[in-house]
N, C-alpha and C. Protein backbone atom coordinates (compact mmCIF):
# COMPACT_ATOMS: atom_id res chain seq x y z
N MET A 1 62.14 11.68 -11.63
CA MET A 1 61.56 12.86 -11.04
C MET A 1 60.03 12.74 -10.96
N TYR A 2 59.43 12.34 -12.06
CA TYR A 2 57.98 12.22 -12.10
C TYR A 2 57.49 11.20 -11.07
N GLU A 3 58.20 10.09 -10.94
CA GLU A 3 57.82 9.05 -9.98
C GLU A 3 57.92 9.56 -8.55
N ASP A 4 58.95 10.37 -8.26
CA ASP A 4 59.09 10.94 -6.92
C ASP A 4 57.93 11.86 -6.59
N GLU A 5 57.54 12.68 -7.56
CA GLU A 5 56.41 13.59 -7.34
C GLU A 5 55.11 12.82 -7.13
N GLU A 6 54.94 11.79 -7.94
CA GLU A 6 53.74 10.97 -7.82
C GLU A 6 53.71 10.23 -6.49
N LEU A 7 54.85 9.71 -6.07
CA LEU A 7 54.95 9.02 -4.79
C LEU A 7 54.67 9.97 -3.64
N GLU A 8 55.18 11.18 -3.72
CA GLU A 8 54.93 12.18 -2.68
C GLU A 8 53.45 12.56 -2.63
N ALA A 9 52.83 12.68 -3.77
CA ALA A 9 51.40 13.00 -3.82
C ALA A 9 50.58 11.88 -3.17
N ILE A 10 50.97 10.65 -3.44
CA ILE A 10 50.28 9.50 -2.83
C ILE A 10 50.46 9.52 -1.32
N ARG A 11 51.65 9.81 -0.87
CA ARG A 11 51.92 9.90 0.58
C ARG A 11 51.08 10.99 1.22
N GLN A 12 50.99 12.14 0.57
CA GLN A 12 50.21 13.25 1.12
C GLN A 12 48.72 12.88 1.22
N ARG A 13 48.20 12.22 0.17
CA ARG A 13 46.80 11.81 0.20
C ARG A 13 46.55 10.80 1.31
N LYS A 14 47.47 9.86 1.46
CA LYS A 14 47.34 8.84 2.50
C LYS A 14 47.40 9.48 3.89
N LEU A 15 48.31 10.43 4.09
CA LEU A 15 48.43 11.13 5.36
C LEU A 15 47.16 11.90 5.67
N ALA A 16 46.60 12.57 4.68
CA ALA A 16 45.35 13.32 4.86
C ALA A 16 44.21 12.38 5.22
N GLN A 17 44.19 11.22 4.57
CA GLN A 17 43.14 10.24 4.84
C GLN A 17 43.25 9.73 6.28
N ILE A 18 44.44 9.45 6.73
CA ILE A 18 44.66 8.98 8.10
C ILE A 18 44.24 10.05 9.11
N GLN A 19 44.60 11.30 8.84
CA GLN A 19 44.22 12.39 9.73
C GLN A 19 42.71 12.55 9.80
N ASN A 20 42.04 12.41 8.67
CA ASN A 20 40.58 12.51 8.65
C ASN A 20 39.95 11.38 9.46
N GLN A 21 40.50 10.19 9.36
CA GLN A 21 39.98 9.06 10.13
C GLN A 21 40.18 9.28 11.62
N GLU A 22 41.33 9.81 12.00
CA GLU A 22 41.60 10.08 13.42
C GLU A 22 40.65 11.15 13.96
N THR A 23 40.40 12.17 13.16
CA THR A 23 39.48 13.23 13.57
C THR A 23 38.07 12.67 13.74
N ALA A 24 37.65 11.85 12.80
CA ALA A 24 36.32 11.25 12.87
C ALA A 24 36.21 10.35 14.10
N ARG A 25 37.25 9.59 14.37
CA ARG A 25 37.26 8.70 15.54
C ARG A 25 37.17 9.51 16.83
N ALA A 26 37.91 10.60 16.91
CA ALA A 26 37.88 11.45 18.10
C ALA A 26 36.50 12.07 18.29
N GLN A 27 35.87 12.49 17.20
CA GLN A 27 34.53 13.05 17.29
C GLN A 27 33.52 12.01 17.76
N GLU A 28 33.66 10.79 17.26
CA GLU A 28 32.76 9.71 17.69
C GLU A 28 32.94 9.41 19.17
N GLU A 29 34.18 9.39 19.65
CA GLU A 29 34.44 9.14 21.06
C GLU A 29 33.84 10.24 21.92
N GLN A 30 33.98 11.48 21.49
CA GLN A 30 33.43 12.61 22.23
C GLN A 30 31.90 12.52 22.26
N LYS A 31 31.31 12.17 21.13
CA LYS A 31 29.86 12.02 21.03
C LYS A 31 29.37 10.92 21.96
N ALA A 32 30.10 9.81 21.99
CA ALA A 32 29.73 8.68 22.87
C ALA A 32 29.84 9.07 24.34
N ALA A 33 30.86 9.84 24.69
CA ALA A 33 31.03 10.28 26.07
C ALA A 33 29.89 11.20 26.49
N LEU A 34 29.50 12.12 25.62
CA LEU A 34 28.38 13.02 25.92
C LEU A 34 27.08 12.25 26.07
N GLU A 35 26.86 11.26 25.21
CA GLU A 35 25.66 10.45 25.29
C GLU A 35 25.64 9.66 26.60
N ALA A 36 26.78 9.15 27.03
CA ALA A 36 26.86 8.41 28.29
C ALA A 36 26.54 9.33 29.47
N GLN A 37 27.05 10.55 29.44
CA GLN A 37 26.75 11.51 30.51
C GLN A 37 25.25 11.83 30.53
N LYS A 38 24.67 12.02 29.36
CA LYS A 38 23.25 12.33 29.27
C LYS A 38 22.43 11.18 29.83
N GLN A 39 22.77 9.95 29.47
CA GLN A 39 22.04 8.79 29.97
C GLN A 39 22.19 8.63 31.48
N ALA A 40 23.36 8.96 32.00
CA ALA A 40 23.57 8.87 33.45
C ALA A 40 22.67 9.85 34.19
N ILE A 41 22.58 11.06 33.66
CA ILE A 41 21.71 12.07 34.29
C ILE A 41 20.25 11.64 34.20
N LEU A 42 19.84 11.15 33.03
CA LEU A 42 18.45 10.73 32.86
C LEU A 42 18.10 9.55 33.78
N SER A 43 19.04 8.66 33.99
CA SER A 43 18.76 7.52 34.88
C SER A 43 18.60 7.97 36.33
N GLN A 44 19.17 9.11 36.66
CA GLN A 44 19.03 9.64 38.03
C GLN A 44 17.69 10.37 38.22
N ILE A 45 17.10 10.87 37.13
CA ILE A 45 15.89 11.67 37.29
C ILE A 45 14.62 11.00 36.76
N LEU A 46 14.75 9.84 36.11
CA LEU A 46 13.59 9.13 35.59
C LEU A 46 13.52 7.73 36.19
N ASN A 47 12.30 7.31 36.53
CA ASN A 47 12.19 5.92 36.98
C ASN A 47 12.22 5.00 35.75
N GLU A 48 12.21 3.71 35.98
CA GLU A 48 12.38 2.74 34.89
C GLU A 48 11.28 2.87 33.84
N GLU A 49 10.06 3.03 34.28
CA GLU A 49 8.93 3.14 33.36
C GLU A 49 9.07 4.38 32.47
N ALA A 50 9.46 5.49 33.05
CA ALA A 50 9.63 6.74 32.30
C ALA A 50 10.80 6.62 31.32
N ARG A 51 11.88 5.98 31.74
CA ARG A 51 13.03 5.80 30.84
C ARG A 51 12.63 4.93 29.63
N GLN A 52 11.81 3.90 29.88
CA GLN A 52 11.36 3.04 28.80
C GLN A 52 10.48 3.82 27.83
N ARG A 53 9.59 4.66 28.36
CA ARG A 53 8.73 5.47 27.49
C ARG A 53 9.58 6.41 26.64
N LEU A 54 10.57 7.04 27.25
CA LEU A 54 11.43 7.96 26.51
C LEU A 54 12.21 7.21 25.42
N ALA A 55 12.63 6.00 25.71
CA ALA A 55 13.33 5.19 24.70
C ALA A 55 12.39 4.86 23.54
N ASN A 56 11.13 4.56 23.85
CA ASN A 56 10.15 4.27 22.80
C ASN A 56 9.89 5.52 21.94
N VAL A 57 9.77 6.65 22.59
CA VAL A 57 9.56 7.90 21.86
C VAL A 57 10.75 8.18 20.95
N LYS A 58 11.93 7.88 21.46
CA LYS A 58 13.15 8.13 20.68
C LYS A 58 13.17 7.30 19.39
N LEU A 59 12.60 6.12 19.43
CA LEU A 59 12.54 5.28 18.23
C LEU A 59 11.61 5.88 17.18
N VAL A 60 10.50 6.45 17.64
CA VAL A 60 9.48 6.95 16.72
C VAL A 60 9.70 8.41 16.35
N ARG A 61 10.03 9.23 17.34
CA ARG A 61 10.20 10.67 17.13
C ARG A 61 11.51 11.14 17.78
N PRO A 62 12.65 10.88 17.14
CA PRO A 62 13.94 11.19 17.76
C PRO A 62 14.13 12.67 18.10
N GLN A 63 13.59 13.57 17.30
CA GLN A 63 13.75 14.99 17.59
C GLN A 63 12.98 15.39 18.83
N LEU A 64 11.78 14.86 18.99
CA LEU A 64 10.99 15.14 20.18
C LEU A 64 11.69 14.59 21.42
N ALA A 65 12.19 13.37 21.32
CA ALA A 65 12.88 12.75 22.45
C ALA A 65 14.11 13.57 22.84
N GLU A 66 14.84 14.06 21.85
CA GLU A 66 16.03 14.87 22.12
C GLU A 66 15.64 16.16 22.84
N ALA A 67 14.55 16.79 22.40
CA ALA A 67 14.09 18.02 23.05
C ALA A 67 13.69 17.75 24.50
N VAL A 68 13.01 16.63 24.73
CA VAL A 68 12.60 16.27 26.09
C VAL A 68 13.82 15.99 26.95
N GLU A 69 14.78 15.23 26.41
CA GLU A 69 15.99 14.93 27.17
C GLU A 69 16.72 16.20 27.58
N LEU A 70 16.88 17.11 26.64
CA LEU A 70 17.57 18.36 26.95
C LEU A 70 16.82 19.17 28.00
N ARG A 71 15.49 19.21 27.89
CA ARG A 71 14.69 19.95 28.87
C ARG A 71 14.80 19.31 30.25
N LEU A 72 14.75 17.99 30.31
CA LEU A 72 14.88 17.31 31.60
C LEU A 72 16.24 17.56 32.24
N ILE A 73 17.28 17.55 31.42
CA ILE A 73 18.62 17.80 31.94
C ILE A 73 18.73 19.24 32.45
N GLN A 74 18.14 20.18 31.74
CA GLN A 74 18.14 21.58 32.19
C GLN A 74 17.43 21.70 33.54
N LEU A 75 16.27 21.06 33.65
CA LEU A 75 15.53 21.11 34.90
C LEU A 75 16.32 20.48 36.05
N ALA A 76 17.00 19.39 35.77
CA ALA A 76 17.80 18.72 36.80
C ALA A 76 18.96 19.61 37.23
N GLN A 77 19.60 20.26 36.28
CA GLN A 77 20.73 21.12 36.62
C GLN A 77 20.28 22.36 37.39
N GLN A 78 19.06 22.81 37.16
CA GLN A 78 18.53 23.96 37.88
C GLN A 78 18.03 23.58 39.27
N GLY A 79 17.95 22.28 39.52
CA GLY A 79 17.47 21.81 40.81
C GLY A 79 15.96 21.75 40.90
N SER A 80 15.27 21.82 39.79
CA SER A 80 13.81 21.80 39.78
C SER A 80 13.25 20.40 39.98
N ILE A 81 14.04 19.39 39.75
CA ILE A 81 13.57 18.01 39.90
C ILE A 81 14.11 17.48 41.22
N LYS A 82 13.19 17.23 42.15
CA LYS A 82 13.59 16.79 43.49
C LYS A 82 13.60 15.27 43.64
N GLU A 83 12.75 14.60 42.88
CA GLU A 83 12.69 13.14 42.94
C GLU A 83 12.52 12.60 41.54
N LYS A 84 12.68 11.29 41.40
CA LYS A 84 12.57 10.68 40.08
C LYS A 84 11.18 10.90 39.50
N LEU A 85 11.16 11.24 38.23
CA LEU A 85 9.88 11.44 37.54
C LEU A 85 9.30 10.09 37.16
N ASN A 86 7.97 9.98 37.26
CA ASN A 86 7.32 8.74 36.86
C ASN A 86 6.79 8.89 35.44
N ASP A 87 6.15 7.85 34.96
CA ASP A 87 5.67 7.82 33.58
C ASP A 87 4.64 8.91 33.31
N ASN A 88 3.71 9.13 34.23
CA ASN A 88 2.68 10.15 34.03
C ASN A 88 3.28 11.55 33.97
N GLN A 89 4.27 11.82 34.80
CA GLN A 89 4.92 13.13 34.76
C GLN A 89 5.66 13.32 33.44
N LEU A 90 6.29 12.27 32.95
CA LEU A 90 6.99 12.35 31.67
C LEU A 90 5.99 12.57 30.54
N LYS A 91 4.83 11.91 30.61
CA LYS A 91 3.79 12.12 29.60
C LYS A 91 3.39 13.59 29.54
N ASP A 92 3.23 14.21 30.70
CA ASP A 92 2.86 15.63 30.74
C ASP A 92 3.92 16.49 30.07
N ILE A 93 5.17 16.21 30.36
CA ILE A 93 6.27 16.96 29.75
C ILE A 93 6.29 16.75 28.25
N LEU A 94 6.08 15.51 27.82
CA LEU A 94 6.03 15.20 26.40
C LEU A 94 4.91 15.99 25.70
N ARG A 95 3.74 16.03 26.33
CA ARG A 95 2.62 16.77 25.74
C ARG A 95 2.94 18.26 25.61
N LYS A 96 3.54 18.81 26.65
CA LYS A 96 3.87 20.24 26.63
C LYS A 96 4.87 20.55 25.52
N ILE A 97 5.91 19.76 25.43
CA ILE A 97 6.94 20.01 24.42
C ILE A 97 6.40 19.72 23.03
N GLN A 98 5.61 18.68 22.90
CA GLN A 98 5.04 18.34 21.60
C GLN A 98 4.09 19.45 21.15
N GLY A 99 3.36 20.04 22.08
CA GLY A 99 2.46 21.14 21.74
C GLY A 99 3.22 22.35 21.25
N GLN A 100 4.41 22.60 21.81
CA GLN A 100 5.24 23.73 21.38
C GLN A 100 5.82 23.49 19.99
N LYS A 101 6.11 22.24 19.68
CA LYS A 101 6.78 21.90 18.43
C LYS A 101 5.81 21.66 17.27
N ARG A 102 4.53 21.54 17.58
CA ARG A 102 3.56 21.15 16.56
C ARG A 102 3.48 22.23 15.47
N ASP A 103 3.61 21.78 14.25
CA ASP A 103 3.50 22.67 13.10
C ASP A 103 2.10 22.51 12.50
N THR A 104 1.55 23.60 12.09
CA THR A 104 0.27 23.49 11.41
C THR A 104 0.52 23.51 9.91
N LYS A 105 -0.22 22.68 9.23
CA LYS A 105 -0.06 22.56 7.81
C LYS A 105 -1.36 22.96 7.15
N VAL A 106 -1.27 23.86 6.21
CA VAL A 106 -2.45 24.33 5.52
C VAL A 106 -2.32 23.94 4.06
N ASP A 107 -3.33 23.23 3.57
CA ASP A 107 -3.37 22.88 2.17
C ASP A 107 -4.33 23.82 1.45
N VAL A 108 -3.88 24.41 0.40
CA VAL A 108 -4.74 25.29 -0.39
C VAL A 108 -5.00 24.58 -1.70
N ARG A 109 -6.25 24.32 -1.94
CA ARG A 109 -6.63 23.65 -3.18
C ARG A 109 -7.39 24.64 -4.06
N ARG A 110 -6.93 24.75 -5.25
CA ARG A 110 -7.57 25.68 -6.18
C ARG A 110 -8.39 24.89 -7.18
N LEU A 111 -9.54 25.43 -7.47
CA LEU A 111 -10.43 24.75 -8.41
C LEU A 111 -10.27 25.28 -9.80
């Protein structure tokens, strides 16, 4: 009896583990599909130089790059972007978004 209960418990744990792996795999696939869609849209609205700059920004400041990507996709979906953006236009967008995100830090030193 005890062995049957222990065997069943092992089976249940193994089944739960397999289900968790399948869920994680499905989430990864969905994440990859969304990233592919995002990259496809960005390749349509950014020239090569601008895409390279955005990739460089993503290496150094991933949160800023994500904010810029989302903003560019919103603008493209609204029809505000008529032609591919060049590097200088992307720099302007980066400055605007970076200015909005900038946090001020105040150090108070007591004597």
